[in-house]
Every structure is written in structure tokens, then in C-alpha cells.
Amino acid sequence: KNARLKINACVEDIDYRSPRGLDKSVLMNLVSCDWIRKHQNVILTGATGVGKTFIGCALANKACREGFKALYASAPRLHYDLAIAKADGSYSAIMAKLSKAQLLILDDLGLAPMTDPERRNLLEVIEDRNGSGATLIASQLPVEKWHETIGDPTIADAILDRIVHNAHRINLKGDSMRKTHSSLTENDTRVNN
């Protein structure tokens, strides 16, 4: 409940049958939660609908069941909340909450190019967690494009250095799982004139 996970997902419900490049042995290693104990990161990349958020929330759910404190945040919402917090004086409290989480799930990183305050706030969040907590980042963008979306080369280098070199990387492929698992037929989705 405190983790505020977007999806009530469990690792037992992860679909390995759909062809999306998901290696079951890699995921089973992550399910052990050793990466959280070691303050490592996970990077999930892939197109919309391939299951990044589901897998991230499932791993967080497992972490909670193992006694870890987890916290979910979508990157766009986090940027907004931190901007408001700076204005209303609650910035320190939010930053403390983010740094205390043993696992932070940062979803939808890089949906839009970052503004200067957003990239500086992200650097501070990542810096506070570096070596003291695990971070799971889900993004539609491949890691190679993060530099561009972060914007400032110096800040991008600092962020990526703290995340990428200590991360398990999973690049998902394939069709949207929403499309694959939809109970509607093509005729159901057409609008009749």
C-alpha cells in the first residue's frame, strides 16, 4: 500500500510465452531481490505496451513481500511534484522519502525532453540513492537516447554514470501486450458511422 504501485502485479503472473525477448533466467535472478540488497539498478526499455510497468510493479511487489520498502513514481508526475514541493517548502520531505525507499521505481523516464530544473532534480534523486538504494527505471527510449532527452551533457553524464554501470538491463520487444491480451475483436474497436 505504501509503495503506491500503479499495477497490482505479481512475479508469478509474468507472461513468458509472448515473444518479447524476456529471458526467464534473468528475471528469476531479479526475483531473488539480491540486486536490491546490493543497491543495484534495473533498466527496462521497450515500446509502449510491452510490459515494462507490469514487470517493474511485479518486482516491487515481490520486494515488498520480502520486507523491502518500495516506492513507485512516474517520471512526469515526479517532475511535477518536485516543482510544486520547491514552491511550497516540502521539497526536503519528498527527497527524504525518495532516498529512504530501498527500491524506487521510476516509470516512463524520457517521455519528453527534460527542462533544466527537471534534470537537476533527477540528478539529486539519483545521487541521493547511489550506493544506498536500488532503482528500477522503465523507459520507452533505449539507454543510448537518454543523453539527448536529459539535455545537458554534464548532468546527463552524471545521471547515467550512477545508473547504467550498476544496472541489469532488459530490452523488451514485440507487440503491445494490451493488444495481444485484448478481449475485443477488430470489429469491436471500429467506430460505426
N, C-alpha and C. Protein backbone atom coordinates (compact mmCIF):
# COMPACT_ATOMS: atom_id res chain seq x y z
N LYS A 1 0.84 -1.20 0.00
CA LYS A 1 0.00 0.00 0.00
C LYS A 1 0.88 1.26 0.00
N ASN A 2 1.91 1.27 0.84
CA ASN A 2 2.78 2.43 0.92
C ASN A 2 3.60 2.63 -0.35
N ALA A 3 3.82 1.56 -1.10
CA ALA A 3 4.62 1.64 -2.33
C ALA A 3 3.86 2.39 -3.43
N ARG A 4 2.55 2.44 -3.34
CA ARG A 4 1.69 3.11 -4.33
C ARG A 4 1.95 2.58 -5.75
N LEU A 5 2.04 1.27 -5.89
CA LEU A 5 2.30 0.68 -7.19
C LEU A 5 1.16 0.97 -8.15
N LYS A 6 1.50 1.24 -9.38
CA LYS A 6 0.49 1.58 -10.39
C LYS A 6 -0.37 0.37 -10.73
N ILE A 7 0.25 -0.80 -10.73
CA ILE A 7 -0.44 -2.04 -11.10
C ILE A 7 -0.26 -3.05 -9.98
N ASN A 8 -1.32 -3.77 -9.66
CA ASN A 8 -1.22 -4.85 -8.68
C ASN A 8 -0.71 -6.09 -9.42
N ALA A 9 0.60 -6.13 -9.63
CA ALA A 9 1.22 -7.20 -10.41
C ALA A 9 2.07 -8.09 -9.52
N CYS A 10 2.12 -9.36 -9.86
CA CYS A 10 2.94 -10.33 -9.13
C CYS A 10 3.89 -11.02 -10.10
N VAL A 11 5.07 -11.37 -9.61
CA VAL A 11 6.03 -12.04 -10.48
C VAL A 11 5.50 -13.38 -10.98
N GLU A 12 4.61 -13.99 -10.20
CA GLU A 12 4.03 -15.27 -10.61
C GLU A 12 3.13 -15.12 -11.84
N ASP A 13 2.68 -13.90 -12.13
CA ASP A 13 1.77 -13.65 -13.25
C ASP A 13 2.46 -13.13 -14.51
N ILE A 14 3.79 -13.05 -14.49
CA ILE A 14 4.51 -12.56 -15.68
C ILE A 14 4.39 -13.57 -16.81
N ASP A 15 4.04 -13.08 -17.98
CA ASP A 15 3.84 -13.90 -19.18
C ASP A 15 5.17 -14.09 -19.91
N TYR A 16 5.66 -15.31 -19.92
CA TYR A 16 6.91 -15.63 -20.63
C TYR A 16 6.64 -16.20 -22.02
N ARG A 17 5.39 -16.48 -22.34
CA ARG A 17 5.05 -17.09 -23.63
C ARG A 17 5.07 -16.09 -24.77
N SER A 18 4.69 -14.85 -24.49
CA SER A 18 4.66 -13.84 -25.55
C SER A 18 6.08 -13.53 -26.00
N PRO A 19 6.30 -13.50 -27.32
CA PRO A 19 7.66 -13.26 -27.82
C PRO A 19 8.05 -11.78 -27.68
N ARG A 20 8.74 -11.48 -26.58
CA ARG A 20 9.16 -10.09 -26.37
C ARG A 20 10.58 -9.99 -25.85
N GLY A 21 11.33 -11.10 -25.95
CA GLY A 21 12.73 -11.07 -25.57
C GLY A 21 12.97 -11.10 -24.07
N LEU A 22 12.02 -11.61 -23.32
CA LEU A 22 12.14 -11.68 -21.87
C LEU A 22 12.79 -13.00 -21.47
N ASP A 23 13.98 -12.93 -20.92
CA ASP A 23 14.73 -14.11 -20.51
C ASP A 23 14.30 -14.50 -19.10
N LYS A 24 13.68 -15.66 -18.97
CA LYS A 24 13.14 -16.10 -17.68
C LYS A 24 14.25 -16.25 -16.64
N SER A 25 15.43 -16.71 -17.04
CA SER A 25 16.51 -16.89 -16.07
C SER A 25 16.98 -15.55 -15.50
N VAL A 26 17.01 -14.52 -16.34
CA VAL A 26 17.40 -13.18 -15.86
C VAL A 26 16.36 -12.68 -14.87
N LEU A 27 15.09 -12.84 -15.21
CA LEU A 27 14.04 -12.36 -14.31
C LEU A 27 14.01 -13.16 -13.01
N MET A 28 14.24 -14.45 -13.07
CA MET A 28 14.26 -15.26 -11.85
C MET A 28 15.40 -14.81 -10.93
N ASN A 29 16.51 -14.38 -11.51
CA ASN A 29 17.61 -13.84 -10.72
C ASN A 29 17.17 -12.57 -10.01
N LEU A 30 16.42 -11.72 -10.70
CA LEU A 30 15.93 -10.47 -10.09
C LEU A 30 14.88 -10.74 -9.01
N VAL A 31 14.09 -11.79 -9.19
CA VAL A 31 13.05 -12.14 -8.22
C VAL A 31 13.66 -12.45 -6.85
N SER A 32 14.91 -12.88 -6.83
CA SER A 32 15.57 -13.19 -5.56
C SER A 32 15.79 -11.95 -4.70
N CYS A 33 15.70 -10.77 -5.30
CA CYS A 33 15.88 -9.47 -4.63
C CYS A 33 17.32 -9.20 -4.21
N ASP A 34 18.28 -10.02 -4.63
CA ASP A 34 19.69 -9.76 -4.31
C ASP A 34 20.15 -8.43 -4.86
N TRP A 35 19.63 -8.04 -6.03
CA TRP A 35 20.01 -6.77 -6.63
C TRP A 35 19.60 -5.59 -5.75
N ILE A 36 18.53 -5.75 -4.99
CA ILE A 36 18.09 -4.69 -4.08
C ILE A 36 19.04 -4.65 -2.87
N ARG A 37 19.38 -5.82 -2.35
CA ARG A 37 20.33 -5.90 -1.22
C ARG A 37 21.68 -5.29 -1.59
N LYS A 38 22.07 -5.43 -2.85
CA LYS A 38 23.36 -4.94 -3.33
C LYS A 38 23.28 -3.51 -3.86
N HIS A 39 22.12 -2.86 -3.75
CA HIS A 39 21.90 -1.49 -4.22
C HIS A 39 22.21 -1.35 -5.72
N GLN A 40 21.77 -2.34 -6.48
CA GLN A 40 21.93 -2.29 -7.93
C GLN A 40 20.66 -1.73 -8.55
N ASN A 41 20.71 -1.54 -9.86
CA ASN A 41 19.57 -0.96 -10.59
C ASN A 41 19.07 -1.93 -11.65
N VAL A 42 17.87 -1.67 -12.11
CA VAL A 42 17.29 -2.41 -13.24
C VAL A 42 16.79 -1.37 -14.23
N ILE A 43 17.11 -1.58 -15.50
CA ILE A 43 16.62 -0.72 -16.57
C ILE A 43 15.77 -1.57 -17.49
N LEU A 44 14.49 -1.20 -17.61
CA LEU A 44 13.55 -1.87 -18.51
C LEU A 44 13.26 -0.92 -19.66
N THR A 45 13.57 -1.31 -20.88
CA THR A 45 13.27 -0.47 -22.03
C THR A 45 12.43 -1.26 -23.03
N GLY A 46 11.72 -0.53 -23.87
CA GLY A 46 10.90 -1.15 -24.90
C GLY A 46 9.73 -0.25 -25.25
N ALA A 47 9.07 -0.62 -26.31
CA ALA A 47 7.95 0.17 -26.83
C ALA A 47 6.77 0.16 -25.86
N THR A 48 5.83 1.04 -26.11
CA THR A 48 4.61 1.12 -25.32
C THR A 48 3.90 -0.24 -25.31
N GLY A 49 3.49 -0.66 -24.14
CA GLY A 49 2.65 -1.85 -24.02
C GLY A 49 3.37 -3.18 -23.92
N VAL A 50 4.71 -3.20 -23.93
CA VAL A 50 5.41 -4.49 -23.89
C VAL A 50 5.52 -5.07 -22.49
N GLY A 51 5.11 -4.31 -21.48
CA GLY A 51 5.06 -4.86 -20.13
C GLY A 51 6.08 -4.30 -19.15
N LYS A 52 6.68 -3.16 -19.45
CA LYS A 52 7.69 -2.58 -18.57
C LYS A 52 7.11 -2.26 -17.19
N THR A 53 5.98 -1.57 -17.16
CA THR A 53 5.37 -1.18 -15.90
C THR A 53 4.91 -2.41 -15.12
N PHE A 54 4.33 -3.37 -15.81
CA PHE A 54 3.87 -4.60 -15.15
C PHE A 54 5.05 -5.31 -14.49
N ILE A 55 6.13 -5.49 -15.23
CA ILE A 55 7.30 -6.19 -14.69
C ILE A 55 7.90 -5.39 -13.53
N GLY A 56 8.00 -4.07 -13.70
CA GLY A 56 8.53 -3.24 -12.62
C GLY A 56 7.69 -3.34 -11.36
N CYS A 57 6.38 -3.27 -11.50
CA CYS A 57 5.49 -3.37 -10.35
C CYS A 57 5.52 -4.78 -9.75
N ALA A 58 5.66 -5.79 -10.60
CA ALA A 58 5.75 -7.17 -10.09
C ALA A 58 7.02 -7.35 -9.26
N LEU A 59 8.13 -6.82 -9.73
CA LEU A 59 9.38 -6.91 -8.97
C LEU A 59 9.27 -6.12 -7.66
N ALA A 60 8.60 -4.99 -7.70
CA ALA A 60 8.40 -4.19 -6.49
C ALA A 60 7.48 -4.91 -5.51
N ASN A 61 6.44 -5.54 -6.02
CA ASN A 61 5.53 -6.32 -5.18
C ASN A 61 6.31 -7.42 -4.47
N LYS A 62 7.17 -8.12 -5.21
CA LYS A 62 8.00 -9.18 -4.62
C LYS A 62 8.93 -8.60 -3.56
N ALA A 63 9.52 -7.44 -3.85
CA ALA A 63 10.40 -6.79 -2.88
C ALA A 63 9.64 -6.47 -1.59
N CYS A 64 8.41 -5.97 -1.72
CA CYS A 64 7.59 -5.67 -0.54
C CYS A 64 7.30 -6.94 0.25
N ARG A 65 7.00 -8.03 -0.45
CA ARG A 65 6.73 -9.30 0.23
C ARG A 65 7.98 -9.81 0.95
N GLU A 66 9.14 -9.40 0.48
CA GLU A 66 10.41 -9.79 1.13
C GLU A 66 10.81 -8.81 2.24
N GLY A 67 9.98 -7.79 2.48
CA GLY A 67 10.23 -6.87 3.57
C GLY A 67 10.94 -5.57 3.20
N PHE A 68 11.16 -5.34 1.91
CA PHE A 68 11.79 -4.10 1.47
C PHE A 68 10.75 -2.98 1.33
N LYS A 69 11.19 -1.75 1.54
CA LYS A 69 10.33 -0.59 1.32
C LYS A 69 10.50 -0.14 -0.13
N ALA A 70 9.40 -0.12 -0.87
CA ALA A 70 9.43 0.27 -2.27
C ALA A 70 8.53 1.48 -2.47
N LEU A 71 8.82 2.22 -3.54
CA LEU A 71 8.02 3.40 -3.87
C LEU A 71 7.96 3.55 -5.38
N TYR A 72 6.76 3.68 -5.92
CA TYR A 72 6.54 3.86 -7.36
C TYR A 72 6.32 5.34 -7.65
N ALA A 73 6.93 5.82 -8.74
CA ALA A 73 6.69 7.18 -9.21
C ALA A 73 6.81 7.21 -10.73
N SER A 74 5.85 7.84 -11.39
CA SER A 74 6.02 8.07 -12.82
C SER A 74 6.91 9.31 -12.94
N ALA A 75 7.82 9.30 -13.89
CA ALA A 75 8.76 10.41 -14.05
C ALA A 75 8.04 11.74 -14.29
N PRO A 76 7.04 11.81 -15.19
CA PRO A 76 6.36 13.09 -15.39
C PRO A 76 5.70 13.61 -14.10
N ARG A 77 5.08 12.73 -13.34
CA ARG A 77 4.43 13.14 -12.09
C ARG A 77 5.48 13.55 -11.06
N LEU A 78 6.59 12.83 -11.00
CA LEU A 78 7.66 13.17 -10.07
C LEU A 78 8.21 14.56 -10.37
N HIS A 79 8.44 14.85 -11.65
CA HIS A 79 8.92 16.18 -12.02
C HIS A 79 7.94 17.26 -11.54
N TYR A 80 6.66 17.02 -11.74
CA TYR A 80 5.63 17.97 -11.33
C TYR A 80 5.62 18.13 -9.80
N ASP A 81 5.62 16.99 -9.09
CA ASP A 81 5.58 17.03 -7.62
C ASP A 81 6.79 17.74 -7.04
N LEU A 82 7.97 17.52 -7.62
CA LEU A 82 9.17 18.19 -7.11
C LEU A 82 9.13 19.69 -7.37
N ALA A 83 8.59 20.09 -8.51
CA ALA A 83 8.45 21.52 -8.80
C ALA A 83 7.51 22.19 -7.80
N ILE A 84 6.38 21.55 -7.51
CA ILE A 84 5.43 22.08 -6.52
C ILE A 84 6.07 22.09 -5.13
N ALA A 85 6.81 21.03 -4.80
CA ALA A 85 7.44 20.93 -3.48
C ALA A 85 8.47 22.03 -3.25
N LYS A 86 9.18 22.41 -4.30
CA LYS A 86 10.14 23.52 -4.16
C LYS A 86 9.39 24.81 -3.85
N ALA A 87 8.22 24.97 -4.44
CA ALA A 87 7.44 26.19 -4.23
C ALA A 87 6.77 26.24 -2.86
N ASP A 88 6.31 25.07 -2.36
CA ASP A 88 5.56 25.08 -1.10
C ASP A 88 6.41 24.70 0.12
N GLY A 89 7.71 24.43 -0.09
CA GLY A 89 8.59 24.14 1.03
C GLY A 89 8.65 22.69 1.47
N SER A 90 8.03 21.78 0.71
CA SER A 90 8.04 20.37 1.11
C SER A 90 9.08 19.55 0.34
N TYR A 91 9.97 20.22 -0.37
CA TYR A 91 10.98 19.55 -1.20
C TYR A 91 11.85 18.60 -0.37
N SER A 92 12.33 19.04 0.76
CA SER A 92 13.20 18.20 1.59
C SER A 92 12.49 16.94 2.05
N ALA A 93 11.22 17.06 2.38
CA ALA A 93 10.45 15.90 2.85
C ALA A 93 10.27 14.88 1.73
N ILE A 94 9.98 15.35 0.52
CA ILE A 94 9.82 14.44 -0.61
C ILE A 94 11.15 13.77 -0.95
N MET A 95 12.22 14.55 -0.95
CA MET A 95 13.54 13.98 -1.25
C MET A 95 13.93 12.94 -0.20
N ALA A 96 13.61 13.18 1.05
CA ALA A 96 13.92 12.21 2.11
C ALA A 96 13.13 10.91 1.88
N LYS A 97 11.87 11.05 1.51
CA LYS A 97 11.04 9.86 1.24
C LYS A 97 11.61 9.06 0.07
N LEU A 98 12.03 9.75 -0.97
CA LEU A 98 12.61 9.06 -2.14
C LEU A 98 13.92 8.37 -1.79
N SER A 99 14.74 8.99 -0.98
CA SER A 99 16.03 8.39 -0.65
C SER A 99 15.90 7.24 0.34
N LYS A 100 14.84 7.24 1.16
CA LYS A 100 14.65 6.17 2.15
C LYS A 100 14.09 4.88 1.54
N ALA A 101 13.45 4.98 0.39
CA ALA A 101 12.90 3.78 -0.25
C ALA A 101 14.05 2.86 -0.64
N GLN A 102 13.97 1.62 -0.24
CA GLN A 102 15.01 0.66 -0.61
C GLN A 102 14.95 0.34 -2.10
N LEU A 103 13.75 0.48 -2.68
CA LEU A 103 13.56 0.32 -4.12
C LEU A 103 12.68 1.46 -4.61
N LEU A 104 13.20 2.23 -5.55
CA LEU A 104 12.43 3.28 -6.21
C LEU A 104 12.15 2.84 -7.64
N ILE A 105 10.88 2.80 -8.02
CA ILE A 105 10.50 2.50 -9.40
C ILE A 105 10.21 3.84 -10.06
N LEU A 106 10.98 4.17 -11.08
CA LEU A 106 10.81 5.41 -11.82
C LEU A 106 10.32 5.03 -13.21
N ASP A 107 9.04 5.22 -13.45
CA ASP A 107 8.39 4.76 -14.67
C ASP A 107 8.30 5.89 -15.70
N ASP A 108 8.33 5.53 -16.96
CA ASP A 108 8.14 6.47 -18.08
C ASP A 108 9.19 7.57 -18.14
N LEU A 109 10.43 7.23 -17.84
CA LEU A 109 11.50 8.21 -17.96
C LEU A 109 11.70 8.58 -19.42
N GLY A 110 11.81 9.86 -19.70
CA GLY A 110 12.13 10.32 -21.04
C GLY A 110 10.98 10.45 -22.00
N LEU A 111 9.75 10.59 -21.50
CA LEU A 111 8.62 10.78 -22.41
C LEU A 111 8.72 12.10 -23.16
N ALA A 112 9.37 13.08 -22.54
CA ALA A 112 9.58 14.39 -23.16
C ALA A 112 10.96 14.89 -22.74
N PRO A 113 11.56 15.75 -23.55
CA PRO A 113 12.85 16.32 -23.15
C PRO A 113 12.73 17.03 -21.79
N MET A 114 13.75 16.91 -20.96
CA MET A 114 13.70 17.49 -19.62
C MET A 114 14.08 18.96 -19.62
N THR A 115 13.43 19.69 -18.75
CA THR A 115 13.80 21.08 -18.52
C THR A 115 15.01 21.10 -17.57
N ASP A 116 15.62 22.25 -17.43
CA ASP A 116 16.79 22.34 -16.53
C ASP A 116 16.44 21.95 -15.09
N PRO A 117 15.35 22.47 -14.51
CA PRO A 117 15.02 22.04 -13.14
C PRO A 117 14.74 20.53 -13.04
N GLU A 118 14.09 19.95 -14.07
CA GLU A 118 13.78 18.53 -14.03
C GLU A 118 15.06 17.68 -14.02
N ARG A 119 16.01 18.02 -14.88
CA ARG A 119 17.24 17.21 -14.92
C ARG A 119 18.06 17.39 -13.65
N ARG A 120 18.06 18.60 -13.08
CA ARG A 120 18.80 18.82 -11.82
C ARG A 120 18.14 18.06 -10.66
N ASN A 121 16.81 18.06 -10.63
CA ASN A 121 16.09 17.29 -9.60
C ASN A 121 16.35 15.80 -9.75
N LEU A 122 16.33 15.31 -11.00
CA LEU A 122 16.58 13.89 -11.23
C LEU A 122 17.99 13.52 -10.77
N LEU A 123 18.97 14.36 -11.08
CA LEU A 123 20.33 14.10 -10.62
C LEU A 123 20.38 14.02 -9.11
N GLU A 124 19.69 14.91 -8.43
CA GLU A 124 19.70 14.89 -6.97
C GLU A 124 19.05 13.62 -6.42
N VAL A 125 17.95 13.19 -7.03
CA VAL A 125 17.30 11.95 -6.61
C VAL A 125 18.25 10.77 -6.80
N ILE A 126 18.85 10.67 -7.97
CA ILE A 126 19.75 9.55 -8.28
C ILE A 126 21.00 9.61 -7.39
N GLU A 127 21.54 10.78 -7.20
CA GLU A 127 22.73 10.94 -6.35
C GLU A 127 22.43 10.52 -4.91
N ASP A 128 21.28 10.92 -4.38
CA ASP A 128 20.91 10.55 -3.01
C ASP A 128 20.79 9.04 -2.85
N ARG A 129 20.39 8.35 -3.91
CA ARG A 129 20.17 6.91 -3.84
C ARG A 129 21.41 6.10 -4.20
N ASN A 130 22.36 6.70 -4.84
CA ASN A 130 23.54 5.99 -5.35
C ASN A 130 24.29 5.29 -4.21
N GLY A 131 24.35 3.97 -4.28
CA GLY A 131 25.04 3.18 -3.28
C GLY A 131 24.26 2.92 -2.02
N SER A 132 23.04 3.46 -1.93
CA SER A 132 22.25 3.24 -0.71
C SER A 132 20.86 2.68 -0.99
N GLY A 133 20.49 2.59 -2.26
CA GLY A 133 19.18 2.06 -2.62
C GLY A 133 19.19 1.56 -4.04
N ALA A 134 18.24 0.71 -4.38
CA ALA A 134 18.09 0.19 -5.74
C ALA A 134 17.06 1.04 -6.48
N THR A 135 17.29 1.22 -7.76
CA THR A 135 16.36 2.00 -8.59
C THR A 135 16.01 1.19 -9.83
N LEU A 136 14.73 1.10 -10.13
CA LEU A 136 14.26 0.46 -11.35
C LEU A 136 13.70 1.56 -12.24
N ILE A 137 14.25 1.66 -13.44
CA ILE A 137 13.80 2.67 -14.38
C ILE A 137 13.18 1.99 -15.60
N ALA A 138 11.98 2.42 -15.95
CA ALA A 138 11.30 1.93 -17.15
C ALA A 138 11.19 3.09 -18.14
N SER A 139 11.56 2.82 -19.39
CA SER A 139 11.55 3.88 -20.40
C SER A 139 11.25 3.30 -21.78
N GLN A 140 10.53 4.07 -22.58
CA GLN A 140 10.32 3.69 -23.97
C GLN A 140 11.60 3.90 -24.78
N LEU A 141 12.44 4.78 -24.30
CA LEU A 141 13.68 5.11 -25.02
C LEU A 141 14.79 4.13 -24.68
N PRO A 142 15.57 3.73 -25.68
CA PRO A 142 16.76 2.95 -25.36
C PRO A 142 17.74 3.84 -24.58
N VAL A 143 18.57 3.23 -23.77
CA VAL A 143 19.51 3.98 -22.93
C VAL A 143 20.35 4.94 -23.77
N GLU A 144 20.68 4.54 -24.99
CA GLU A 144 21.50 5.37 -25.87
C GLU A 144 20.86 6.72 -26.18
N LYS A 145 19.54 6.84 -26.02
CA LYS A 145 18.82 8.09 -26.29
C LYS A 145 18.59 8.93 -25.03
N TRP A 146 18.94 8.42 -23.86
CA TRP A 146 18.68 9.14 -22.62
C TRP A 146 19.47 10.44 -22.56
N HIS A 147 20.71 10.41 -23.06
CA HIS A 147 21.56 11.60 -23.04
C HIS A 147 20.83 12.77 -23.70
N GLU A 148 20.26 12.48 -24.85
CA GLU A 148 19.56 13.50 -25.63
C GLU A 148 18.33 14.05 -24.89
N THR A 149 17.55 13.17 -24.27
CA THR A 149 16.33 13.62 -23.61
C THR A 149 16.62 14.33 -22.29
N ILE A 150 17.72 13.97 -21.62
CA ILE A 150 18.11 14.68 -20.40
C ILE A 150 18.55 16.09 -20.75
N GLY A 151 19.29 16.21 -21.85
CA GLY A 151 19.63 17.55 -22.33
C GLY A 151 21.04 17.97 -22.03
N ASP A 152 21.31 18.49 -20.89
CA ASP A 152 22.63 18.99 -20.51
C ASP A 152 23.64 17.83 -20.45
N PRO A 153 24.72 17.88 -21.28
CA PRO A 153 25.66 16.75 -21.34
C PRO A 153 26.33 16.42 -20.01
N THR A 154 26.67 17.43 -19.24
CA THR A 154 27.34 17.18 -17.96
C THR A 154 26.41 16.49 -16.97
N ILE A 155 25.19 16.99 -16.88
CA ILE A 155 24.21 16.38 -15.96
C ILE A 155 23.82 14.99 -16.46
N ALA A 156 23.65 14.84 -17.78
CA ALA A 156 23.32 13.53 -18.34
C ALA A 156 24.42 12.52 -18.02
N ASP A 157 25.69 12.91 -18.18
CA ASP A 157 26.80 12.02 -17.84
C ASP A 157 26.74 11.60 -16.38
N ALA A 158 26.47 12.56 -15.50
CA ALA A 158 26.42 12.27 -14.07
C ALA A 158 25.29 11.30 -13.73
N ILE A 159 24.12 11.52 -14.31
CA ILE A 159 22.98 10.64 -14.06
C ILE A 159 23.25 9.24 -14.59
N LEU A 160 23.66 9.16 -15.85
CA LEU A 160 23.87 7.85 -16.47
C LEU A 160 25.00 7.08 -15.79
N ASP A 161 26.05 7.76 -15.37
CA ASP A 161 27.16 7.09 -14.70
C ASP A 161 26.69 6.42 -13.41
N ARG A 162 25.76 7.03 -12.71
CA ARG A 162 25.27 6.49 -11.44
C ARG A 162 24.23 5.39 -11.64
N ILE A 163 23.63 5.32 -12.82
CA ILE A 163 22.57 4.33 -13.05
C ILE A 163 23.08 3.14 -13.88
N VAL A 164 23.61 3.42 -15.04
CA VAL A 164 23.85 2.40 -16.06
C VAL A 164 24.92 1.38 -15.68
N HIS A 165 26.00 1.82 -15.08
CA HIS A 165 27.12 0.91 -14.82
C HIS A 165 26.85 -0.09 -13.71
N ASN A 166 25.75 0.09 -13.01
CA ASN A 166 25.40 -0.79 -11.91
C ASN A 166 23.99 -1.36 -12.13
N ALA A 167 23.67 -1.61 -13.42
CA ALA A 167 22.28 -1.97 -13.75
C ALA A 167 22.17 -3.26 -14.53
N HIS A 168 21.12 -3.99 -14.22
CA HIS A 168 20.68 -5.12 -15.03
C HIS A 168 19.79 -4.51 -16.11
N ARG A 169 20.06 -4.81 -17.37
CA ARG A 169 19.30 -4.20 -18.46
C ARG A 169 18.45 -5.24 -19.17
N ILE A 170 17.18 -4.90 -19.34
CA ILE A 170 16.24 -5.76 -20.05
C ILE A 170 15.58 -4.91 -21.14
N ASN A 171 15.79 -5.31 -22.39
CA ASN A 171 15.17 -4.61 -23.51
C ASN A 171 14.06 -5.49 -24.08
N LEU A 172 12.83 -5.05 -23.86
CA LEU A 172 11.67 -5.82 -24.32
C LEU A 172 11.32 -5.43 -25.75
N LYS A 173 10.87 -6.42 -26.51
CA LYS A 173 10.48 -6.21 -27.90
C LYS A 173 9.07 -6.76 -28.10
N GLY A 174 8.57 -6.58 -29.29
CA GLY A 174 7.30 -7.20 -29.64
C GLY A 174 6.12 -6.25 -29.62
N ASP A 175 4.95 -6.87 -29.82
CA ASP A 175 3.70 -6.11 -29.85
C ASP A 175 3.24 -5.73 -28.45
N SER A 176 2.35 -4.78 -28.41
CA SER A 176 1.76 -4.36 -27.15
C SER A 176 1.02 -5.53 -26.51
N MET A 177 1.28 -5.75 -25.23
CA MET A 177 0.58 -6.81 -24.50
C MET A 177 -0.90 -6.44 -24.35
N ARG A 178 -1.20 -5.16 -24.36
CA ARG A 178 -2.61 -4.74 -24.28
C ARG A 178 -3.36 -5.21 -25.52
N LYS A 179 -2.71 -5.09 -26.67
CA LYS A 179 -3.31 -5.54 -27.92
C LYS A 179 -3.43 -7.07 -27.94
N THR A 180 -2.37 -7.75 -27.52
CA THR A 180 -2.34 -9.21 -27.53
C THR A 180 -3.38 -9.80 -26.60
N HIS A 181 -3.58 -9.18 -25.43
CA HIS A 181 -4.50 -9.73 -24.43
C HIS A 181 -5.88 -9.12 -24.45
N SER A 182 -6.16 -8.27 -25.43
CA SER A 182 -7.46 -7.63 -25.52
C SER A 182 -8.54 -8.66 -25.84
N SER A 183 -9.67 -8.51 -25.18
CA SER A 183 -10.79 -9.42 -25.45
C SER A 183 -11.66 -8.90 -26.59
N LEU A 184 -11.38 -7.69 -27.07
CA LEU A 184 -12.15 -7.13 -28.17
C LEU A 184 -11.60 -7.62 -29.50
N THR A 185 -12.46 -7.74 -30.47
CA THR A 185 -12.03 -8.09 -31.81
C THR A 185 -11.83 -6.81 -32.60
N GLU A 186 -11.25 -6.90 -33.76
CA GLU A 186 -11.05 -5.72 -34.58
C GLU A 186 -12.36 -5.03 -34.90
N ASN A 187 -13.41 -5.82 -35.14
CA ASN A 187 -14.73 -5.24 -35.44
C ASN A 187 -15.29 -4.47 -34.23
N ASP A 188 -14.97 -4.93 -32.99
CA ASP A 188 -15.46 -4.25 -31.79
C ASP A 188 -14.85 -2.88 -31.63
N THR A 189 -13.64 -2.68 -32.15
CA THR A 189 -12.93 -1.43 -31.93
C THR A 189 -13.21 -0.39 -33.01
N ARG A 190 -13.87 -0.78 -34.09
CA ARG A 190 -14.20 0.17 -35.16
C ARG A 190 -15.38 1.04 -34.77
N VAL A 191 -15.32 2.27 -35.16
CA VAL A 191 -16.44 3.18 -34.90
C VAL A 191 -17.35 3.16 -36.12
N ASN A 192 -18.60 2.88 -35.85
CA ASN A 192 -19.57 2.85 -36.96
C ASN A 192 -20.09 4.25 -37.25
N ASN A 193 -20.16 4.58 -38.53
CA ASN A 193 -20.67 5.91 -38.92
C ASN A 193 -22.13 5.82 -39.25
